């Protein structure tokens, strides 16, 4: 019998209650600050689910630009009444010391999930997505991108976020999902494909060992890029992977 797929919210609720959802064992010594962070994440996931279920159609309503004081990738942020300073995916405290990632990830998650819930124009939304990826919050990044890819957006916005989507999947070691997305939806997004997206998809084909298709997609990237590649570009690295794996064929 196929095992029932455990939802993220179910696993979080069990962990908050001090129970391992898979074994039923009691989880002892759960830090209260961690429990508070988990409650926040659970609230965000449930709010996102309600928003998705309550949407009547996929057409976005006009929104105002983000406030000028909103720090998306750089600047002062306040989370849980504490002041932090954000700089391209990293956080420092008042003393200017960069905080370790184990401490910053919950802060960054709270900040960016809060930013995303605000009314953002496309430019600010794109900055938010880039910030989430810089912070290495790849699950949150994918959640945001999957929603936005289902909505109506400008050509340049979609052209920019598509390779962010595929590279985030690869960061989570999910190249097969990149391939599945490409084979399922490449026609749907055909007018928004860029050399960067071709390169990312070619890398995913390399990841799963399909070097024939990787070469085919890499050649498209090369052609659409005007035939120009430097020795240290991402595309040249893809060609090097293919050459090494196939013995130069």
Protein backbone atom coordinates (compact mmCIF):
# COMPACT_ATOMS: atom_id res chain seq x y z
CA UNK A 1 0.00 0.00 0.00
CA UNK A 2 1.30 3.43 -0.94
CA UNK A 3 2.14 5.56 2.08
CA UNK A 4 0.03 8.66 2.60
CA UNK A 5 1.90 11.83 1.75
CA UNK A 6 2.49 13.90 4.87
CA UNK A 7 1.63 17.57 4.48
CA UNK A 8 4.06 20.21 5.73
CA UNK A 9 1.41 21.65 8.02
CA UNK A 10 0.68 18.24 9.57
CA UNK A 11 4.36 17.63 10.28
CA UNK A 12 4.76 21.10 11.80
CA UNK A 13 1.69 20.73 14.03
CA UNK A 14 2.94 17.39 15.33
CA UNK A 15 6.41 18.78 16.01
CA UNK A 16 4.95 21.79 17.83
CA UNK A 17 2.85 19.38 19.91
CA UNK A 18 5.99 17.39 20.70
CA UNK A 19 5.18 14.26 18.68
CA UNK A 20 7.05 12.65 15.77
CA UNK A 21 4.37 12.29 13.10
CA UNK A 22 6.10 9.31 11.51
CA UNK A 23 6.74 7.22 14.64
CA UNK A 24 4.35 8.65 17.20
CA UNK A 25 7.21 9.06 19.67
CA UNK A 26 7.27 12.02 22.04
CA UNK A 27 9.85 14.66 21.11
CA UNK A 28 11.53 15.97 24.24
CA UNK A 29 13.43 19.19 24.82
CA UNK A 30 11.99 21.29 21.99
CA UNK A 31 13.38 24.79 22.49
CA UNK A 32 10.65 27.35 23.14
CA UNK A 33 12.11 29.91 20.74
CA UNK A 34 12.25 27.23 18.05
CA UNK A 35 8.64 26.29 18.81
CA UNK A 36 7.71 29.95 18.39
CA UNK A 37 9.42 30.05 15.00
CA UNK A 38 7.67 26.85 13.94
CA UNK A 39 4.32 28.33 14.94
CA UNK A 40 5.06 31.36 12.78
CA UNK A 41 5.96 29.16 9.79
CA UNK A 42 2.79 27.10 10.32
CA UNK A 43 0.69 30.27 10.42
CA UNK A 44 2.30 31.48 7.19
CA UNK A 45 1.69 28.18 5.37
CA UNK A 46 -1.94 28.03 6.47
CA UNK A 47 -2.49 31.67 5.49
CA UNK A 48 -0.96 31.01 2.07
CA UNK A 49 -3.20 27.98 1.62
CA UNK A 50 -6.32 29.97 2.49
CA UNK A 51 -5.29 32.71 0.07
CA UNK A 52 -4.76 30.20 -2.74
CA UNK A 53 -8.07 28.41 -2.09
CA UNK A 54 -9.95 31.70 -1.90
CA UNK A 55 -8.65 33.05 -5.20
CA UNK A 56 -11.42 33.26 -7.79
CA UNK A 57 -9.18 33.52 -10.82
CA UNK A 58 -5.54 33.88 -11.80
CA UNK A 59 -5.73 37.54 -12.83
CA UNK A 60 -3.82 39.76 -10.42
CA UNK A 61 -5.45 42.95 -9.21
CA UNK A 62 -3.57 46.24 -9.58
CA UNK A 63 -1.43 46.94 -6.55
CA UNK A 64 0.47 49.91 -5.25
CA UNK A 65 4.23 50.10 -5.18
CA UNK A 66 5.99 48.95 -2.03
CA UNK A 67 6.64 51.70 0.51
CA UNK A 68 9.93 53.49 -0.09
CA UNK A 69 11.11 52.51 3.40
CA UNK A 70 10.55 48.78 2.89
CA UNK A 71 13.89 46.96 3.05
CA UNK A 72 13.75 44.06 0.63
CA UNK A 73 17.39 43.17 -0.03
CA UNK A 74 19.26 45.84 1.91
CA UNK A 75 18.52 48.01 4.93
CA UNK A 76 17.19 47.93 8.46
CA UNK A 77 14.51 45.37 9.27
CA UNK A 78 12.57 44.68 12.45
CA UNK A 79 11.57 41.12 13.31
CA UNK A 80 9.99 40.19 16.65
CA UNK A 81 10.73 43.75 17.87
CA UNK A 82 14.46 43.32 17.24
CA UNK A 83 16.48 45.40 14.81
CA UNK A 84 18.65 43.71 12.19
CA UNK A 85 20.51 44.91 9.12
CA UNK A 86 19.95 43.04 5.88
CA UNK A 87 22.51 42.89 3.09
CA UNK A 88 22.07 40.52 0.13
CA UNK A 89 20.88 37.47 2.05
CA UNK A 90 22.95 38.05 5.18
CA UNK A 91 22.03 39.68 8.47
CA UNK A 92 24.06 41.63 10.98
CA UNK A 93 23.09 42.88 14.42
CA UNK A 94 23.39 46.39 15.83
CA UNK A 95 27.10 45.89 16.42
CA UNK A 96 27.65 45.17 12.73
CA UNK A 97 28.61 41.54 13.31
CA UNK A 98 27.33 39.12 10.67
CA UNK A 99 25.14 36.52 12.34
CA UNK A 100 25.55 32.76 11.63
CA UNK A 101 23.08 31.24 9.18
CA UNK A 102 21.52 28.99 11.85
CA UNK A 103 20.33 32.12 13.64
CA UNK A 104 19.44 34.16 10.59
CA UNK A 105 17.27 31.70 8.65
CA UNK A 106 14.21 32.04 10.96
CA UNK A 107 14.63 35.83 10.91
CA UNK A 108 14.93 35.92 7.12
CA UNK A 109 11.94 33.60 6.71
CA UNK A 110 9.79 35.87 8.87
CA UNK A 111 10.99 38.98 7.06
CA UNK A 112 10.45 37.71 3.54
CA UNK A 113 7.16 35.96 4.20
CA UNK A 114 5.96 39.27 5.65
CA UNK A 115 7.28 41.26 2.67
CA UNK A 116 5.60 38.89 0.20
CA UNK A 117 2.24 39.34 1.92
CA UNK A 118 2.35 43.08 1.20
CA UNK A 119 1.12 44.77 -1.95
CA UNK A 120 4.12 44.83 -4.27
CA UNK A 121 4.55 46.02 -7.82
CA UNK A 122 6.50 43.74 -10.17
CA UNK A 123 9.84 45.46 -9.56
CA UNK A 124 9.51 45.08 -5.77
CA UNK A 125 8.17 41.55 -6.10
CA UNK A 126 11.17 40.61 -8.20
CA UNK A 127 13.51 42.09 -5.59
CA UNK A 128 11.70 40.04 -2.93
CA UNK A 129 12.15 36.84 -4.93
CA UNK A 130 15.85 37.56 -5.48
CA UNK A 131 16.24 38.30 -1.79
CA UNK A 132 14.59 35.03 -0.80
CA UNK A 133 16.93 33.13 -3.09
CA UNK A 134 19.98 35.01 -1.80
CA UNK A 135 18.91 34.05 1.72
CA UNK A 136 18.86 30.40 0.54
CA UNK A 137 15.23 30.00 1.54
CA UNK A 138 14.67 27.79 -1.47
CA UNK A 139 11.42 26.17 -0.30
CA UNK A 140 9.86 29.59 0.29
CA UNK A 141 11.29 30.78 -3.02
CA UNK A 142 9.67 27.90 -4.90
CA UNK A 143 6.36 28.45 -3.12
CA UNK A 144 6.33 32.09 -4.20
CA UNK A 145 7.47 31.33 -7.75
CA UNK A 146 4.94 28.56 -8.32
CA UNK A 147 2.18 30.96 -7.36
CA UNK A 148 3.49 33.79 -9.52
CA UNK A 149 4.03 31.52 -12.53
CA UNK A 150 0.29 30.77 -12.44
CA UNK A 151 -0.57 34.48 -12.66
CA UNK A 152 -0.45 37.05 -15.43
CA UNK A 153 2.83 38.97 -15.52
CA UNK A 154 4.92 40.98 -17.92
CA UNK A 155 7.29 39.29 -20.36
CA UNK A 156 10.42 40.58 -18.61
CA UNK A 157 9.21 39.47 -15.18
CA UNK A 158 8.53 35.90 -16.36
CA UNK A 159 11.77 35.81 -18.34
CA UNK A 160 13.64 36.71 -15.15
CA UNK A 161 11.92 34.38 -12.67
CA UNK A 162 11.91 31.22 -14.78
CA UNK A 163 15.65 30.51 -14.36
CA UNK A 164 15.36 31.43 -10.66
CA UNK A 165 12.71 28.73 -10.40
CA UNK A 166 14.80 26.03 -12.11
CA UNK A 167 17.99 26.94 -10.26
CA UNK A 168 16.16 26.84 -6.92
CA UNK A 169 14.97 23.32 -7.71
CA UNK A 170 18.54 22.34 -8.53
CA UNK A 171 19.76 23.86 -5.26
CA UNK A 172 17.37 21.48 -3.49
CA UNK A 173 18.82 18.55 -5.48
CA UNK A 174 15.67 18.18 -7.57
CA UNK A 175 16.94 18.17 -11.17
CA UNK A 176 14.26 15.71 -12.25
CA UNK A 177 11.61 18.26 -11.30
CA UNK A 178 13.39 20.78 -13.55
CA UNK A 179 13.29 18.29 -16.40
CA UNK A 180 9.63 17.48 -15.72
CA UNK A 181 8.78 21.19 -15.66
CA UNK A 182 10.64 21.77 -18.92
CA UNK A 183 9.06 18.87 -20.76
CA UNK A 184 5.62 19.79 -19.47
CA UNK A 185 5.63 23.60 -19.66
CA UNK A 186 8.35 24.75 -22.07
CA UNK A 187 5.75 25.42 -24.77
CA UNK A 188 3.58 27.36 -22.34
CA UNK A 189 6.49 29.68 -21.53
CA UNK A 190 8.14 29.53 -24.96
CA UNK A 191 8.04 33.30 -25.53
CA UNK A 192 9.81 33.92 -22.19
CA UNK A 193 12.75 31.52 -22.56
CA UNK A 194 16.21 33.03 -22.16
CA UNK A 195 19.78 31.73 -22.59
CA UNK A 196 20.00 31.60 -18.79
CA UNK A 197 16.96 29.31 -18.61
CA UNK A 198 18.33 27.06 -21.38
CA UNK A 199 21.60 26.80 -19.46
CA UNK A 200 19.85 25.94 -16.20
CA UNK A 201 17.76 23.26 -17.88
CA UNK A 202 20.83 21.83 -19.65
CA UNK A 203 22.54 21.60 -16.26
CA UNK A 204 19.56 19.68 -14.89
CA UNK A 205 19.78 17.20 -17.76
CA UNK A 206 23.47 16.77 -16.89
CA UNK A 207 22.49 16.19 -13.27
CA UNK A 208 20.29 13.23 -14.25
CA UNK A 209 22.84 11.88 -16.72
CA UNK A 210 20.98 12.64 -19.96
CA UNK A 211 23.87 14.22 -21.85
CA UNK A 212 22.25 13.95 -25.27
CA UNK A 213 19.39 16.25 -24.26
CA UNK A 214 21.77 18.37 -22.19
CA UNK A 215 23.86 19.02 -25.33
CA UNK A 216 20.74 19.81 -27.37
CA UNK A 217 19.51 22.38 -24.82
CA UNK A 218 23.01 23.82 -24.35
CA UNK A 219 23.26 24.35 -28.11
CA UNK A 220 20.00 26.31 -27.96
CA UNK A 221 21.47 28.47 -25.20
CA UNK A 222 24.59 29.04 -27.31
CA UNK A 223 22.58 29.97 -30.40
CA UNK A 224 20.16 32.26 -28.56
CA UNK A 225 23.10 33.97 -26.87
CA UNK A 226 24.53 34.94 -30.24
CA UNK A 227 27.16 32.21 -30.09
CA UNK A 228 29.16 34.03 -27.45
CA UNK A 229 30.47 32.11 -24.44
CA UNK A 230 33.48 32.81 -22.27
CA UNK A 231 35.61 30.13 -20.69
CA UNK A 232 34.16 30.75 -17.25
CA UNK A 233 30.48 31.21 -18.03
CA UNK A 234 27.83 28.82 -16.75
CA UNK A 235 27.21 27.57 -20.27
CA UNK A 236 30.87 26.78 -20.86
CA UNK A 237 30.85 24.77 -17.63
CA UNK A 238 27.87 22.78 -18.93
CA UNK A 239 29.78 21.98 -22.12
CA UNK A 240 32.74 20.90 -20.01
CA UNK A 241 30.51 18.56 -17.99
CA UNK A 242 29.11 17.04 -21.17
CA UNK A 243 32.57 16.62 -22.70
CA UNK A 244 33.97 15.02 -19.57
CA UNK A 245 31.02 12.61 -19.18
CA UNK A 246 30.93 11.55 -22.84
CA UNK A 247 34.64 11.42 -23.51
CA UNK A 248 34.54 14.41 -25.82
CA UNK A 249 31.94 13.03 -28.18
